[in-house]
Amino acid sequence: MFVPVLPTQRDKSHTHTQRLYLNIADQLSALIQSQNMNPGHRLPAERDLALQFDVSRQTVREALIALEVSGSVEIRPGSGVYVLKSDRIKNSLLLEDAPGPFEIMEARLLIEGEAAALAAQRISNEELLKLKTYLNQMSKLVEQNQIKEAELFDGKFHQLIAHASRNSAIFTMVEWLWALRESSEISRLFTEKVRQHGANPNIKAHEELYQMLSRRDSEGARKVMHEHLSQVTETYALSLAD
């Protein structure tokens, strides 16, 4: 099978533009140092940082995630972002060259809804049976509070839908976006943070999606997938709300 060259696999010897959220994270780290912010100092609100750096709030969110992963700040939902130490952000993160968690979710929103719509028209009965098996495994593991294990079947469920679209370009992109959850240090540690805040795979949404695919309801599958991923993105945002 064709294996795409992921951004994290590219030859780093060539010149590339640093991702915007990592550039903002580096600037924030420098700001913490230059202003001698002590541990416990509260950073300005997300909206104020977005205005200060003239970027979107999503970019600021991902920059703050990078700083938290680096150990420079602590994000306390409902309270704010607090300095832990004034060290510069880890070089390994700045060189990672991977999309941030919100960029990944935005891409999934754009791609997986259409993948589900195509899959509803093209999925085989065998694939539907396999989807049901993944759903049952996911549900059982969530009931047993084995969330990390349940997420493995969550990934299998979504990637099988992409495969059932019968579009190899879509499947390759979806497979890569899911792989980033583990291959990207920022995404991996942020996923763990969200998990610790009690986020579980949404069994009801997956059941509704399975039903739409079983009925060969293309529009229904697109709608349910979009609503499901929008809810996941909202959960991500709540874990950072100040």
Protein backbone atom coordinates (compact mmCIF):
# COMPACT_ATOMS: atom_id res chain seq x y z
CA MET A 1 0.00 0.00 0.00
CA PHE A 2 1.20 3.52 -0.77
CA VAL A 3 2.53 5.22 2.36
CA PRO A 4 2.43 9.05 2.28
CA VAL A 5 5.43 11.07 3.39
CA LEU A 6 4.16 12.75 6.54
CA PRO A 7 5.26 16.28 7.43
CA THR A 8 7.17 14.89 10.43
CA GLN A 9 9.08 12.57 8.10
CA ARG A 10 10.39 15.24 5.73
CA ASP A 11 14.05 15.92 5.33
CA LYS A 12 14.73 18.69 7.88
CA SER A 13 17.80 19.84 5.95
CA HIS A 14 15.70 22.08 3.72
CA THR A 15 14.39 25.45 4.82
CA HIS A 16 10.76 25.45 5.92
CA THR A 17 8.42 27.98 7.48
CA GLN A 18 7.65 27.31 11.13
CA ARG A 19 3.99 26.69 11.82
CA LEU A 20 2.25 29.83 13.05
CA TYR A 21 1.10 28.44 16.39
CA LEU A 22 4.66 27.31 17.21
CA ASN A 23 5.97 30.73 16.21
CA ILE A 24 3.47 32.34 18.63
CA ALA A 25 4.43 29.83 21.34
CA ASP A 26 8.08 30.81 20.89
CA GLN A 27 7.19 34.51 21.12
CA LEU A 28 5.11 33.92 24.26
CA SER A 29 7.98 31.99 25.80
CA ALA A 30 10.33 34.90 25.05
CA LEU A 31 7.80 37.32 26.53
CA ILE A 32 7.62 35.31 29.76
CA GLN A 33 11.40 35.47 29.99
CA SER A 34 11.80 39.14 29.06
CA GLN A 35 9.20 40.26 31.57
CA ASN A 36 10.61 37.99 34.29
CA MET A 37 7.23 36.42 34.96
CA ASN A 38 7.50 34.29 38.09
CA PRO A 39 5.78 30.93 38.61
CA GLY A 40 2.11 31.57 39.35
CA HIS A 41 1.89 34.66 37.12
CA ARG A 42 -1.35 34.61 35.14
CA LEU A 43 -1.05 35.26 31.40
CA PRO A 44 -3.49 37.60 29.64
CA ALA A 45 -6.78 36.08 28.44
CA GLU A 46 -6.82 34.15 25.17
CA ARG A 47 -8.79 36.87 23.36
CA ASP A 48 -6.28 39.52 24.48
CA LEU A 49 -3.33 37.44 23.31
CA ALA A 50 -5.06 36.95 19.94
CA LEU A 51 -5.35 40.73 19.56
CA GLN A 52 -1.79 41.33 20.75
CA PHE A 53 -0.29 38.91 18.22
CA ASP A 54 -2.90 39.59 15.51
CA VAL A 55 -3.79 35.91 15.10
CA SER A 56 -6.91 33.80 15.61
CA ARG A 57 -7.92 32.48 19.02
CA GLN A 58 -7.41 28.97 17.65
CA THR A 59 -3.76 29.79 16.94
CA VAL A 60 -3.35 31.15 20.49
CA ARG A 61 -4.97 28.00 21.91
CA GLU A 62 -2.51 25.78 20.08
CA ALA A 63 0.41 27.97 21.15
CA LEU A 64 -0.69 27.63 24.78
CA ILE A 65 -0.96 23.85 24.35
CA ALA A 66 2.63 23.81 23.06
CA LEU A 67 3.77 25.83 26.08
CA GLU A 68 1.96 23.50 28.46
CA VAL A 69 3.45 20.43 26.79
CA SER A 70 6.85 22.11 27.12
CA GLY A 71 6.23 22.57 30.86
CA SER A 72 6.32 26.38 30.74
CA VAL A 73 2.70 27.01 31.72
CA GLU A 74 -0.29 25.30 33.28
CA ILE A 75 -3.75 25.67 31.74
CA ARG A 76 -6.48 25.69 34.38
CA PRO A 77 -9.91 25.55 32.70
CA GLY A 78 -12.19 28.22 34.10
CA SER A 79 -9.29 30.05 35.73
CA GLY A 80 -6.59 30.90 33.21
CA VAL A 81 -3.06 30.11 32.10
CA TYR A 82 -0.31 30.34 34.71
CA VAL A 83 3.48 30.42 34.38
CA LEU A 84 5.27 27.36 35.77
CA LYS A 85 8.80 28.29 34.75
CA SER A 86 10.46 30.73 32.41
CA ASP A 87 12.44 28.25 30.32
CA ARG A 88 12.23 28.61 26.55
CA ILE A 89 9.97 26.21 24.71
CA LYS A 90 11.60 22.86 23.88
CA ASN A 91 13.44 22.79 20.55
CA SER A 92 11.95 19.37 19.86
CA LEU A 93 8.50 20.98 19.72
CA LEU A 94 9.60 23.91 17.56
CA LEU A 95 11.14 21.48 15.06
CA GLU A 96 8.24 19.03 15.12
CA ASP A 97 6.51 20.63 12.13
CA ALA A 98 3.18 18.95 12.93
CA PRO A 99 -0.30 20.50 12.77
CA GLY A 100 -1.79 21.46 16.12
CA PRO A 101 -4.76 19.60 17.70
CA PHE A 102 -7.32 22.18 16.56
CA GLU A 103 -5.91 22.22 13.02
CA ILE A 104 -6.29 18.44 12.97
CA MET A 105 -9.90 18.64 14.14
CA GLU A 106 -10.67 21.33 11.56
CA ALA A 107 -9.29 19.08 8.81
CA ARG A 108 -11.26 16.12 10.13
CA LEU A 109 -14.45 18.20 10.08
CA LEU A 110 -13.87 19.02 6.43
CA ILE A 111 -12.87 15.52 5.32
CA GLU A 112 -14.65 12.93 7.46
CA GLY A 113 -18.14 14.31 6.88
CA GLU A 114 -17.73 13.81 3.13
CA ALA A 115 -16.08 10.42 3.73
CA ALA A 116 -19.16 9.32 5.67
CA ALA A 117 -21.48 10.56 2.93
CA LEU A 118 -19.59 8.54 0.30
CA ALA A 119 -19.33 5.52 2.60
CA ALA A 120 -23.11 5.45 3.02
CA GLN A 121 -23.34 4.85 -0.73
CA ARG A 122 -20.46 2.38 -1.03
CA ILE A 123 -19.95 0.49 2.23
CA SER A 124 -20.22 -3.31 2.05
CA ASN A 125 -22.23 -5.52 4.40
CA GLU A 126 -18.97 -7.04 5.61
CA GLU A 127 -17.65 -3.60 6.52
CA LEU A 128 -20.89 -2.80 8.35
CA LEU A 129 -20.44 -5.94 10.44
CA LYS A 130 -16.88 -4.91 11.23
CA LEU A 131 -18.06 -1.42 12.19
CA LYS A 132 -20.60 -2.96 14.56
CA THR A 133 -17.86 -5.06 16.14
CA TYR A 134 -15.70 -1.96 16.68
CA LEU A 135 -18.68 -0.11 18.15
CA ASN A 136 -19.45 -2.95 20.58
CA GLN A 137 -15.80 -3.14 21.67
CA MET A 138 -15.66 0.63 22.14
CA SER A 139 -18.86 0.65 24.20
CA LYS A 140 -17.67 -2.21 26.41
CA LEU A 141 -14.31 -0.53 27.09
CA VAL A 142 -15.93 2.82 27.93
CA GLU A 143 -18.21 1.03 30.43
CA GLN A 144 -15.09 -0.50 32.00
CA ASN A 145 -13.47 2.97 32.05
CA GLN A 146 -10.65 1.76 29.78
CA ILE A 147 -10.70 4.98 27.79
CA LYS A 148 -7.32 4.77 26.08
CA GLU A 149 -8.15 1.27 24.84
CA ALA A 150 -11.60 2.46 23.69
CA GLU A 151 -9.95 5.22 21.66
CA LEU A 152 -8.10 2.59 19.63
CA PHE A 153 -11.44 1.24 18.43
CA ASP A 154 -12.66 4.80 17.92
CA GLY A 155 -9.80 5.26 15.45
CA LYS A 156 -10.52 1.93 13.75
CA PHE A 157 -14.20 2.92 13.42
CA HIS A 158 -13.45 6.26 11.75
CA GLN A 159 -10.73 4.91 9.49
CA LEU A 160 -12.94 2.05 8.30
CA ILE A 161 -15.58 4.60 7.28
CA ALA A 162 -12.92 6.51 5.33
CA HIS A 163 -11.82 3.26 3.67
CA ALA A 164 -15.45 2.48 2.77
CA SER A 165 -15.63 5.77 0.85
CA ARG A 166 -13.59 3.92 -1.82
CA ASN A 167 -11.50 7.05 -2.27
CA SER A 168 -7.84 6.31 -1.56
CA ALA A 169 -6.93 10.00 -1.25
CA ILE A 170 -9.56 10.51 1.47
CA PHE A 171 -8.51 7.35 3.31
CA THR A 172 -4.82 8.33 3.20
CA MET A 173 -5.58 11.76 4.66
CA VAL A 174 -7.83 10.41 7.41
CA GLU A 175 -5.29 7.72 8.29
CA TRP A 176 -2.57 10.37 8.58
CA LEU A 177 -4.70 12.68 10.74
CA TRP A 178 -5.38 9.83 13.17
CA ALA A 179 -1.72 8.79 13.19
CA LEU A 180 -0.78 12.31 14.29
CA ARG A 181 -2.50 11.70 17.63
CA GLU A 182 0.43 9.46 18.57
CA SER A 183 3.27 10.60 16.30
CA SER A 184 2.99 14.28 17.27
CA GLU A 185 4.22 15.05 20.79
CA ILE A 186 1.86 18.01 21.14
CA SER A 187 -1.22 16.09 19.98
CA ARG A 188 -0.35 13.01 22.03
CA LEU A 189 0.04 14.92 25.29
CA PHE A 190 -2.98 17.14 24.62
CA THR A 191 -5.12 14.06 23.98
CA GLU A 192 -3.99 12.73 27.35
CA LYS A 193 -4.92 16.06 28.98
CA VAL A 194 -8.42 15.97 27.46
CA ARG A 195 -8.78 12.33 28.54
CA GLN A 196 -7.89 13.30 32.11
CA HIS A 197 -10.67 15.89 32.01
CA GLY A 198 -13.16 13.04 31.52
CA ALA A 199 -13.63 13.08 27.74
CA ASN A 200 -14.72 9.65 26.44
CA PRO A 201 -15.57 8.36 22.97
CA ASN A 202 -19.20 9.34 22.31
CA ILE A 203 -20.95 5.99 21.97
CA LYS A 204 -24.34 7.50 21.11
CA ALA A 205 -22.88 9.50 18.21
CA HIS A 206 -21.11 6.41 16.86
CA GLU A 207 -24.32 4.39 17.13
CA GLU A 208 -26.23 7.08 15.19
CA LEU A 209 -23.51 7.13 12.55
CA TYR A 210 -23.64 3.35 12.21
CA GLN A 211 -27.43 3.52 11.75
CA MET A 212 -27.13 6.14 9.00
CA LEU A 213 -24.56 4.03 7.17
CA SER A 214 -26.74 0.93 7.54
CA ARG A 215 -29.69 2.81 6.00
CA ARG A 216 -27.44 4.06 3.17
CA ASP A 217 -28.44 7.59 4.20
CA SER A 218 -25.69 9.73 2.73
CA GLU A 219 -26.93 13.10 3.94
CA GLY A 220 -27.72 11.72 7.38
CA ALA A 221 -24.24 10.22 7.70
CA ARG A 222 -22.62 13.53 6.72
CA LYS A 223 -24.75 15.43 9.27
CA VAL A 224 -24.11 13.04 12.16
CA MET A 225 -20.37 12.93 11.48
CA HIS A 226 -20.17 16.73 11.33
CA GLU A 227 -22.15 17.13 14.56
CA HIS A 228 -20.01 14.50 16.28
CA LEU A 229 -16.69 16.10 15.33
CA SER A 230 -18.00 19.57 16.17
CA GLN A 231 -18.82 18.29 19.65
CA VAL A 232 -15.31 16.82 20.00
CA THR A 233 -13.82 20.17 18.97
CA GLU A 234 -15.99 21.93 21.57
CA THR A 235 -14.74 19.50 24.22
CA TYR A 236 -11.18 20.40 23.24
CA ALA A 237 -11.99 24.11 23.56
CA LEU A 238 -13.58 23.64 27.00
CA SER A 239 -10.39 22.03 28.27
CA LEU A 240 -8.65 25.37 27.57
CA ALA A 241 -11.40 27.85 28.49
CA ASP A 242 -10.14 30.68 30.69
